[in-house]
Amino acid sequence: YTAFGFKELDRRKNYYRNPDEDAVVMQRQN
């Protein structure tokens, strides 16, 4: 995603389960 111009916008703590893990929110602007 980074190679295609996405940048980290936010993090969501323990968003995922099995296993518990943060979600990285990324955005690619036009």
PDB file of all heavy atoms in Angstrom:
ATOM      1  N   TYR A   1       0.827  -1.204   0.000  1.00  0.00           N
ATOM      2  CA  TYR A   1       0.000   0.000   0.000  1.00  0.00           C
ATOM      3  C   TYR A   1       0.869   1.265   0.000  1.00  0.00           C
ATOM      4  O   TYR A   1       0.578   2.240  -0.694  1.00  0.00           O
ATOM      5  CB  TYR A   1      -0.927   0.005   1.212  1.00  0.00           C
ATOM      6  CG  TYR A   1      -1.854  -1.191   1.268  1.00  0.00           C
ATOM      7  CD1 TYR A   1      -2.173  -1.798   2.482  1.00  0.00           C
ATOM      8  CD2 TYR A   1      -2.411  -1.718   0.109  1.00  0.00           C
ATOM      9  CE1 TYR A   1      -3.022  -2.892   2.532  1.00  0.00           C
ATOM     10  CE2 TYR A   1      -3.255  -2.821   0.143  1.00  0.00           C
ATOM     11  CZ  TYR A   1      -3.556  -3.407   1.367  1.00  0.00           C
ATOM     12  OH  TYR A   1      -4.389  -4.488   1.411  1.00  0.00           O
ATOM     13  N   THR A   2       1.955   1.223   0.762  1.00  0.00           N
ATOM     14  CA  THR A   2       2.848   2.385   0.809  1.00  0.00           C
ATOM     15  C   THR A   2       3.456   2.662  -0.561  1.00  0.00           C
ATOM     16  O   THR A   2       3.589   3.821  -0.981  1.00  0.00           O
ATOM     17  CB  THR A   2       3.971   2.148   1.842  1.00  0.00           C
ATOM     18  OG1 THR A   2       3.382   1.943   3.137  1.00  0.00           O
ATOM     19  CG2 THR A   2       4.914   3.344   1.905  1.00  0.00           C
ATOM     20  N   ALA A   3       3.796   1.587  -1.272  1.00  0.00           N
ATOM     21  CA  ALA A   3       4.369   1.738  -2.607  1.00  0.00           C
ATOM     22  C   ALA A   3       3.403   2.408  -3.572  1.00  0.00           C
ATOM     23  O   ALA A   3       3.825   3.034  -4.559  1.00  0.00           O
ATOM     24  CB  ALA A   3       4.784   0.369  -3.149  1.00  0.00           C
ATOM     25  N   PHE A   4       2.097   2.295  -3.293  1.00  0.00           N
ATOM     26  CA  PHE A   4       1.089   2.913  -4.149  1.00  0.00           C
ATOM     27  C   PHE A   4       0.598   4.254  -3.605  1.00  0.00           C
ATOM     28  O   PHE A   4      -0.441   4.757  -4.021  1.00  0.00           O
ATOM     29  CB  PHE A   4      -0.098   1.959  -4.345  1.00  0.00           C
ATOM     30  CG  PHE A   4       0.139   0.932  -5.420  1.00  0.00           C
ATOM     31  CD1 PHE A   4       0.665  -0.308  -5.103  1.00  0.00           C
ATOM     32  CD2 PHE A   4      -0.127   1.228  -6.749  1.00  0.00           C
ATOM     33  CE1 PHE A   4       0.884  -1.259  -6.084  1.00  0.00           C
ATOM     34  CE2 PHE A   4       0.103   0.289  -7.735  1.00  0.00           C
ATOM     35  CZ  PHE A   4       0.613  -0.962  -7.419  1.00  0.00           C
ATOM     36  N   GLY A   5       1.342   4.831  -2.671  1.00  0.00           N
ATOM     37  CA  GLY A   5       1.035   6.177  -2.219  1.00  0.00           C
ATOM     38  C   GLY A   5       0.103   6.269  -1.029  1.00  0.00           C
ATOM     39  O   GLY A   5      -0.365   7.363  -0.694  1.00  0.00           O
ATOM     40  N   PHE A   6      -0.187   5.145  -0.369  1.00  0.00           N
ATOM     41  CA  PHE A   6      -1.015   5.194   0.834  1.00  0.00           C
ATOM     42  C   PHE A   6      -0.170   5.645   2.025  1.00  0.00           C
ATOM     43  O   PHE A   6       0.988   5.253   2.161  1.00  0.00           O
ATOM     44  CB  PHE A   6      -1.619   3.814   1.130  1.00  0.00           C
ATOM     45  CG  PHE A   6      -2.761   3.448   0.227  1.00  0.00           C
ATOM     46  CD1 PHE A   6      -2.533   2.890  -1.026  1.00  0.00           C
ATOM     47  CD2 PHE A   6      -4.072   3.662   0.629  1.00  0.00           C
ATOM     48  CE1 PHE A   6      -3.587   2.543  -1.859  1.00  0.00           C
ATOM     49  CE2 PHE A   6      -5.136   3.324  -0.194  1.00  0.00           C
ATOM     50  CZ  PHE A   6      -4.891   2.765  -1.450  1.00  0.00           C
ATOM     51  N   LYS A   7      -0.785   6.449   2.874  1.00  0.00           N
ATOM     52  CA  LYS A   7      -0.106   6.923   4.073  1.00  0.00           C
ATOM     53  C   LYS A   7      -0.960   6.621   5.298  1.00  0.00           C
ATOM     54  O   LYS A   7      -2.192   6.618   5.230  1.00  0.00           O
ATOM     55  CB  LYS A   7       0.149   8.425   3.977  1.00  0.00           C
ATOM     56  CG  LYS A   7       1.097   8.807   2.836  1.00  0.00           C
ATOM     57  CD  LYS A   7       1.314  10.309   2.778  1.00  0.00           C
ATOM     58  CE  LYS A   7       2.269  10.668   1.642  1.00  0.00           C
ATOM     59  NZ  LYS A   7       2.490  12.131   1.539  1.00  0.00           N
ATOM     60  N   GLU A   8      -0.275   6.378   6.411  1.00  0.00           N
ATOM     61  CA  GLU A   8      -0.994   6.078   7.641  1.00  0.00           C
ATOM     62  C   GLU A   8      -1.778   7.312   8.090  1.00  0.00           C
ATOM     63  O   GLU A   8      -1.244   8.417   8.183  1.00  0.00           O
ATOM     64  CB  GLU A   8      -0.032   5.633   8.742  1.00  0.00           C
ATOM     65  CG  GLU A   8      -0.752   5.244  10.026  1.00  0.00           C
ATOM     66  CD  GLU A   8       0.175   4.633  11.064  1.00  0.00           C
ATOM     67  OE1 GLU A   8       1.206   4.024  10.676  1.00  0.00           O
ATOM     68  OE2 GLU A   8      -0.142   4.771  12.269  1.00  0.00           O
ATOM     69  N   LEU A   9      -3.056   7.096   8.395  1.00  0.00           N
ATOM     70  CA  LEU A   9      -3.936   8.186   8.808  1.00  0.00           C
ATOM     71  C   LEU A   9      -4.315   8.066  10.279  1.00  0.00           C
ATOM     72  O   LEU A   9      -4.466   9.069  10.974  1.00  0.00           O
ATOM     73  CB  LEU A   9      -5.202   8.158   7.938  1.00  0.00           C
ATOM     74  CG  LEU A   9      -6.163   9.321   8.044  1.00  0.00           C
ATOM     75  CD1 LEU A   9      -5.515  10.592   7.498  1.00  0.00           C
ATOM     76  CD2 LEU A   9      -7.449   9.013   7.250  1.00  0.00           C
ATOM     77  N   ASP A  10      -4.416   6.815  10.769  1.00  0.00           N
ATOM     78  CA  ASP A  10      -4.864   6.606  12.143  1.00  0.00           C
ATOM     79  C   ASP A  10      -4.565   5.157  12.519  1.00  0.00           C
ATOM     80  O   ASP A  10      -4.243   4.330  11.671  1.00  0.00           O
ATOM     81  CB  ASP A  10      -6.365   6.894  12.243  1.00  0.00           C
ATOM     82  CG  ASP A  10      -6.861   6.969  13.680  1.00  0.00           C
ATOM     83  OD1 ASP A  10      -6.009   7.063  14.588  1.00  0.00           O
ATOM     84  OD2 ASP A  10      -8.087   6.919  13.888  1.00  0.00           O
ATOM     85  N   ARG A  11      -4.697   4.888  13.845  1.00  0.00           N
ATOM     86  CA  ARG A  11      -4.580   3.513  14.338  1.00  0.00           C
ATOM     87  C   ARG A  11      -5.758   3.219  15.250  1.00  0.00           C
ATOM     88  O   ARG A  11      -6.182   4.072  16.022  1.00  0.00           O
ATOM     89  CB  ARG A  11      -3.271   3.297  15.094  1.00  0.00           C
ATOM     90  CG  ARG A  11      -2.076   3.133  14.167  1.00  0.00           C
ATOM     91  CD  ARG A  11      -0.875   2.584  14.898  1.00  0.00           C
ATOM     92  NE  ARG A  11       0.214   2.348  13.963  1.00  0.00           N
ATOM     93  CZ  ARG A  11       0.876   1.207  13.863  1.00  0.00           C
ATOM     94  NH1 ARG A  11       0.564   0.192  14.649  1.00  0.00           N
ATOM     95  NH2 ARG A  11       1.861   1.086  13.003  1.00  0.00           N
ATOM     96  N   ARG A  12      -6.271   1.996  15.132  1.00  0.00           N
ATOM     97  CA  ARG A  12      -7.378   1.575  15.984  1.00  0.00           C
ATOM     98  C   ARG A  12      -6.881   0.427  16.857  1.00  0.00           C
ATOM     99  O   ARG A  12      -6.568  -0.656  16.362  1.00  0.00           O
ATOM    100  CB  ARG A  12      -8.578   1.146  15.139  1.00  0.00           C
ATOM    101  CG  ARG A  12      -9.151   2.299  14.316  1.00  0.00           C
ATOM    102  CD  ARG A  12     -10.281   1.887  13.431  1.00  0.00           C
ATOM    103  NE  ARG A  12     -10.792   3.015  12.653  1.00  0.00           N
ATOM    104  CZ  ARG A  12     -11.698   2.921  11.688  1.00  0.00           C
ATOM    105  NH1 ARG A  12     -12.178   1.730  11.365  1.00  0.00           N
ATOM    106  NH2 ARG A  12     -12.110   4.008  11.050  1.00  0.00           N
ATOM    107  N   LYS A  13      -6.843   0.692  18.166  1.00  0.00           N
ATOM    108  CA  LYS A  13      -6.270  -0.266  19.099  1.00  0.00           C
ATOM    109  C   LYS A  13      -7.121  -1.530  19.155  1.00  0.00           C
ATOM    110  O   LYS A  13      -8.342  -1.484  19.297  1.00  0.00           O
ATOM    111  CB  LYS A  13      -6.181   0.350  20.498  1.00  0.00           C
ATOM    112  CG  LYS A  13      -5.210   1.532  20.589  1.00  0.00           C
ATOM    113  CD  LYS A  13      -3.768   1.106  20.381  1.00  0.00           C
ATOM    114  CE  LYS A  13      -3.287   0.256  21.548  1.00  0.00           C
ATOM    115  NZ  LYS A  13      -1.852  -0.126  21.398  1.00  0.00           N
ATOM    116  N   ASN A  14      -6.423  -2.671  19.041  1.00  0.00           N
ATOM    117  CA  ASN A  14      -7.053  -3.993  19.193  1.00  0.00           C
ATOM    118  C   ASN A  14      -8.326  -4.138  18.341  1.00  0.00           C
ATOM    119  O   ASN A  14      -9.330  -4.711  18.769  1.00  0.00           O
ATOM    120  CB  ASN A  14      -7.381  -4.254  20.660  1.00  0.00           C
ATOM    121  CG  ASN A  14      -6.131  -4.329  21.520  1.00  0.00           C
ATOM    122  OD1 ASN A  14      -5.095  -4.864  21.086  1.00  0.00           O
ATOM    123  ND2 ASN A  14      -6.194  -3.771  22.725  1.00  0.00           N
ATOM    124  N   TYR A  15      -8.274  -3.600  17.152  1.00  0.00           N
ATOM    125  CA  TYR A  15      -9.437  -3.649  16.255  1.00  0.00           C
ATOM    126  C   TYR A  15      -9.692  -5.073  15.766  1.00  0.00           C
ATOM    127  O   TYR A  15     -10.833  -5.496  15.629  1.00  0.00           O
ATOM    128  CB  TYR A  15      -9.197  -2.709  15.078  1.00  0.00           C
ATOM    129  CG  TYR A  15     -10.310  -2.666  14.065  1.00  0.00           C
ATOM    130  CD1 TYR A  15     -11.443  -1.903  14.304  1.00  0.00           C
ATOM    131  CD2 TYR A  15     -10.217  -3.371  12.861  1.00  0.00           C
ATOM    132  CE1 TYR A  15     -12.470  -1.850  13.366  1.00  0.00           C
ATOM    133  CE2 TYR A  15     -11.240  -3.334  11.928  1.00  0.00           C
ATOM    134  CZ  TYR A  15     -12.366  -2.569  12.182  1.00  0.00           C
ATOM    135  OH  TYR A  15     -13.374  -2.531  11.256  1.00  0.00           O
ATOM    136  N   TYR A  16      -8.610  -5.794  15.488  1.00  0.00           N
ATOM    137  CA  TYR A  16      -8.748  -7.153  14.961  1.00  0.00           C
ATOM    138  C   TYR A  16      -8.737  -8.169  16.093  1.00  0.00           C
ATOM    139  O   TYR A  16      -8.163  -7.946  17.161  1.00  0.00           O
ATOM    140  CB  TYR A  16      -7.610  -7.463  13.983  1.00  0.00           C
ATOM    141  CG  TYR A  16      -7.708  -6.692  12.682  1.00  0.00           C
ATOM    142  CD1 TYR A  16      -6.832  -5.633  12.420  1.00  0.00           C
ATOM    143  CD2 TYR A  16      -8.647  -7.021  11.712  1.00  0.00           C
ATOM    144  CE1 TYR A  16      -6.892  -4.926  11.224  1.00  0.00           C
ATOM    145  CE2 TYR A  16      -8.719  -6.311  10.515  1.00  0.00           C
ATOM    146  CZ  TYR A  16      -7.856  -5.268  10.279  1.00  0.00           C
ATOM    147  OH  TYR A  16      -7.919  -4.573   9.109  1.00  0.00           O
ATOM    148  N   ARG A  17      -9.345  -9.316  15.842  1.00  0.00           N
ATOM    149  CA  ARG A  17      -9.370 -10.437  16.784  1.00  0.00           C
ATOM    150  C   ARG A  17      -8.760 -11.663  16.116  1.00  0.00           C
ATOM    151  O   ARG A  17      -8.712 -11.778  14.902  1.00  0.00           O
ATOM    152  CB  ARG A  17     -10.814 -10.747  17.223  1.00  0.00           C
ATOM    153  CG  ARG A  17     -11.465  -9.583  18.000  1.00  0.00           C
ATOM    154  CD  ARG A  17     -10.832  -9.472  19.403  1.00  0.00           C
ATOM    155  NE  ARG A  17     -11.434  -8.407  20.181  1.00  0.00           N
ATOM    156  CZ  ARG A  17     -10.966  -7.185  20.279  1.00  0.00           C
ATOM    157  NH1 ARG A  17      -9.868  -6.849  19.603  1.00  0.00           N
ATOM    158  NH2 ARG A  17     -11.567  -6.274  21.018  1.00  0.00           N
ATOM    159  N   ASN A  18      -8.348 -12.598  16.975  1.00  0.00           N
ATOM    160  CA  ASN A  18      -7.825 -13.904  16.508  1.00  0.00           C
ATOM    161  C   ASN A  18      -6.689 -13.757  15.487  1.00  0.00           C
ATOM    162  O   ASN A  18      -6.827 -14.194  14.339  1.00  0.00           O
ATOM    163  CB  ASN A  18      -8.951 -14.750  15.889  1.00  0.00           C
ATOM    164  CG  ASN A  18     -10.045 -15.047  16.867  1.00  0.00           C
ATOM    165  OD1 ASN A  18      -9.793 -15.327  18.043  1.00  0.00           O
ATOM    166  ND2 ASN A  18     -11.282 -14.987  16.401  1.00  0.00           N
ATOM    167  N   PRO A  19      -5.543 -13.176  15.837  1.00  0.00           N
ATOM    168  CA  PRO A  19      -5.186 -12.644  17.162  1.00  0.00           C
ATOM    169  C   PRO A  19      -5.562 -11.161  17.295  1.00  0.00           C
ATOM    170  O   PRO A  19      -5.827 -10.492  16.300  1.00  0.00           O
ATOM    171  CB  PRO A  19      -3.673 -12.815  17.184  1.00  0.00           C
ATOM    172  CG  PRO A  19      -3.286 -12.615  15.732  1.00  0.00           C
ATOM    173  CD  PRO A  19      -4.390 -13.223  14.924  1.00  0.00           C
ATOM    174  N   ASP A  20      -5.557 -10.690  18.544  1.00  0.00           N
ATOM    175  CA  ASP A  20      -5.805  -9.268  18.780  1.00  0.00           C
ATOM    176  C   ASP A  20      -4.679  -8.447  18.154  1.00  0.00           C
ATOM    177  O   ASP A  20      -3.494  -8.758  18.326  1.00  0.00           O
ATOM    178  CB  ASP A  20      -5.871  -8.975  20.275  1.00  0.00           C
ATOM    179  CG  ASP A  20      -7.100  -9.597  20.914  1.00  0.00           C
ATOM    180  OD1 ASP A  20      -7.959 -10.114  20.166  1.00  0.00           O
ATOM    181  OD2 ASP A  20      -7.201  -9.582  22.144  1.00  0.00           O
ATOM    182  N   GLU A  21      -5.063  -7.402  17.452  1.00  0.00           N
ATOM    183  CA  GLU A  21      -4.050  -6.612  16.760  1.00  0.00           C
ATOM    184  C   GLU A  21      -4.639  -5.258  16.359  1.00  0.00           C
ATOM    185  O   GLU A  21      -5.850  -5.137  16.101  1.00  0.00           O
ATOM    186  CB  GLU A  21      -3.569  -7.351  15.505  1.00  0.00           C
ATOM    187  CG  GLU A  21      -2.274  -6.799  14.933  1.00  0.00           C
ATOM    188  CD  GLU A  21      -1.687  -7.739  13.885  1.00  0.00           C
ATOM    189  OE1 GLU A  21      -2.327  -8.750  13.536  1.00  0.00           O
ATOM    190  OE2 GLU A  21      -0.563  -7.448  13.431  1.00  0.00           O
ATOM    191  N   ASP A  22      -3.771  -4.243  16.339  1.00  0.00           N
ATOM    192  CA  ASP A  22      -4.207  -2.918  15.929  1.00  0.00           C
ATOM    193  C   ASP A  22      -4.515  -2.909  14.433  1.00  0.00           C
ATOM    194  O   ASP A  22      -3.944  -3.685  13.645  1.00  0.00           O
ATOM    195  CB  ASP A  22      -3.119  -1.870  16.194  1.00  0.00           C
ATOM    196  CG  ASP A  22      -2.880  -1.654  17.676  1.00  0.00           C
ATOM    197  OD1 ASP A  22      -3.663  -2.187  18.490  1.00  0.00           O
ATOM    198  OD2 ASP A  22      -1.902  -0.953  18.003  1.00  0.00           O
ATOM    199  N   ALA A  23      -5.415  -1.988  14.063  1.00  0.00           N
ATOM    200  CA  ALA A  23      -5.680  -1.714  12.649  1.00  0.00           C
ATOM    201  C   ALA A  23      -5.005  -0.416  12.269  1.00  0.00           C
ATOM    202  O   ALA A  23      -5.139   0.587  12.963  1.00  0.00           O
ATOM    203  CB  ALA A  23      -7.172  -1.621  12.393  1.00  0.00           C
ATOM    204  N   VAL A  24      -4.274  -0.445  11.172  1.00  0.00           N
ATOM    205  CA  VAL A  24      -3.681   0.771  10.632  1.00  0.00           C
ATOM    206  C   VAL A  24      -4.634   1.310   9.557  1.00  0.00           C
ATOM    207  O   VAL A  24      -4.944   0.614   8.579  1.00  0.00           O
ATOM    208  CB  VAL A  24      -2.301   0.500  10.020  1.00  0.00           C
ATOM    209  CG1 VAL A  24      -1.729   1.789   9.409  1.00  0.00           C
ATOM    210  CG2 VAL A  24      -1.359  -0.075  11.055  1.00  0.00           C
ATOM    211  N   VAL A  25      -5.131   2.527   9.743  1.00  0.00           N
ATOM    212  CA  VAL A  25      -5.999   3.162   8.758  1.00  0.00           C
ATOM    213  C   VAL A  25      -5.105   3.943   7.797  1.00  0.00           C
ATOM    214  O   VAL A  25      -4.304   4.787   8.223  1.00  0.00           O
ATOM    215  CB  VAL A  25      -7.019   4.100   9.421  1.00  0.00           C
ATOM    216  CG1 VAL A  25      -7.915   4.756   8.368  1.00  0.00           C
ATOM    217  CG2 VAL A  25      -7.852   3.341  10.446  1.00  0.00           C
ATOM    218  N   MET A  26      -5.234   3.661   6.507  1.00  0.00           N
ATOM    219  CA  MET A  26      -4.393   4.311   5.506  1.00  0.00           C
ATOM    220  C   MET A  26      -5.264   4.999   4.456  1.00  0.00           C
ATOM    221  O   MET A  26      -6.415   4.607   4.215  1.00  0.00           O
ATOM    222  CB  MET A  26      -3.465   3.286   4.834  1.00  0.00           C
ATOM    223  CG  MET A  26      -2.592   2.509   5.811  1.00  0.00           C
ATOM    224  SD  MET A  26      -1.386   1.425   4.991  1.00  0.00           S
ATOM    225  CE  MET A  26      -0.141   2.617   4.477  1.00  0.00           C
ATOM    226  N   GLN A  27      -4.701   6.025   3.837  1.00  0.00           N
ATOM    227  CA  GLN A  27      -5.426   6.778   2.820  1.00  0.00           C
ATOM    228  C   GLN A  27      -4.501   7.082   1.653  1.00  0.00           C
ATOM    229  O   GLN A  27      -3.324   7.394   1.843  1.00  0.00           O
ATOM    230  CB  GLN A  27      -5.968   8.101   3.389  1.00  0.00           C
ATOM    231  CG  GLN A  27      -6.695   8.963   2.358  1.00  0.00           C
ATOM    232  CD  GLN A  27      -7.027  10.349   2.884  1.00  0.00           C
ATOM    233  OE1 GLN A  27      -6.402  10.828   3.838  1.00  0.00           O
ATOM    234  NE2 GLN A  27      -7.990  11.025   2.267  1.00  0.00           N
ATOM    235  N   ARG A  28      -5.078   6.962   0.469  1.00  0.00           N
ATOM    236  CA  ARG A  28      -4.383   7.436  -0.740  1.00  0.00           C
ATOM    237  C   ARG A  28      -5.224   8.550  -1.334  1.00  0.00           C
ATOM    238  O   ARG A  28      -6.371   8.339  -1.708  1.00  0.00           O
ATOM    239  CB  ARG A  28      -4.219   6.320  -1.764  1.00  0.00           C
ATOM    240  CG  ARG A  28      -3.442   6.745  -3.014  1.00  0.00           C
ATOM    241  CD  ARG A  28      -3.417   5.644  -4.039  1.00  0.00           C
ATOM    242  NE  ARG A  28      -2.525   5.936  -5.146  1.00  0.00           N
ATOM    243  CZ  ARG A  28      -2.818   6.673  -6.199  1.00  0.00           C
ATOM    244  NH1 ARG A  28      -4.020   7.246  -6.308  1.00  0.00           N
ATOM    245  NH2 ARG A  28      -1.911   6.885  -7.157  1.00  0.00           N
ATOM    246  N   GLN A  29      -4.661   9.751  -1.391  1.00  0.00           N
ATOM    247  CA  GLN A  29      -5.390  10.869  -1.949  1.00  0.00           C
ATOM    248  C   GLN A  29      -5.240  10.918  -3.454  1.00  0.00           C
ATOM    249  O   GLN A  29      -4.234  10.471  -4.010  1.00  0.00           O
ATOM    250  CB  GLN A  29      -4.873  12.190  -1.353  1.00  0.00           C
ATOM    251  CG  GLN A  29      -5.128  12.321   0.149  1.00  0.00           C
ATOM    252  CD  GLN A  29      -4.556  13.622   0.687  1.00  0.00           C
ATOM    253  OE1 GLN A  29      -3.474  14.045   0.300  1.00  0.00           O
ATOM    254  NE2 GLN A  29      -5.301  14.260   1.586  1.00  0.00           N
ATOM    255  N   ASN A  30      -6.281  11.458  -4.117  1.00  0.00           N
ATOM    256  CA  ASN A  30      -6.144  11.598  -5.564  1.00  0.00           C
ATOM    257  C   ASN A  30      -5.188  12.732  -5.889  1.00  0.00           C
ATOM    258  O   ASN A  30      -4.811  13.509  -5.008  1.00  0.00           O
ATOM    259  CB  ASN A  30      -7.515  11.828  -6.234  1.00  0.00           C
ATOM    260  CG  ASN A  30      -8.178  13.123  -5.821  1.00  0.00           C
ATOM    261  OD1 ASN A  30      -7.522  14.067  -5.410  1.00  0.00           O
ATOM    262  ND2 ASN A  30      -9.502  13.176  -5.920  1.00  0.00           N
TER     263      ASN A  30
END
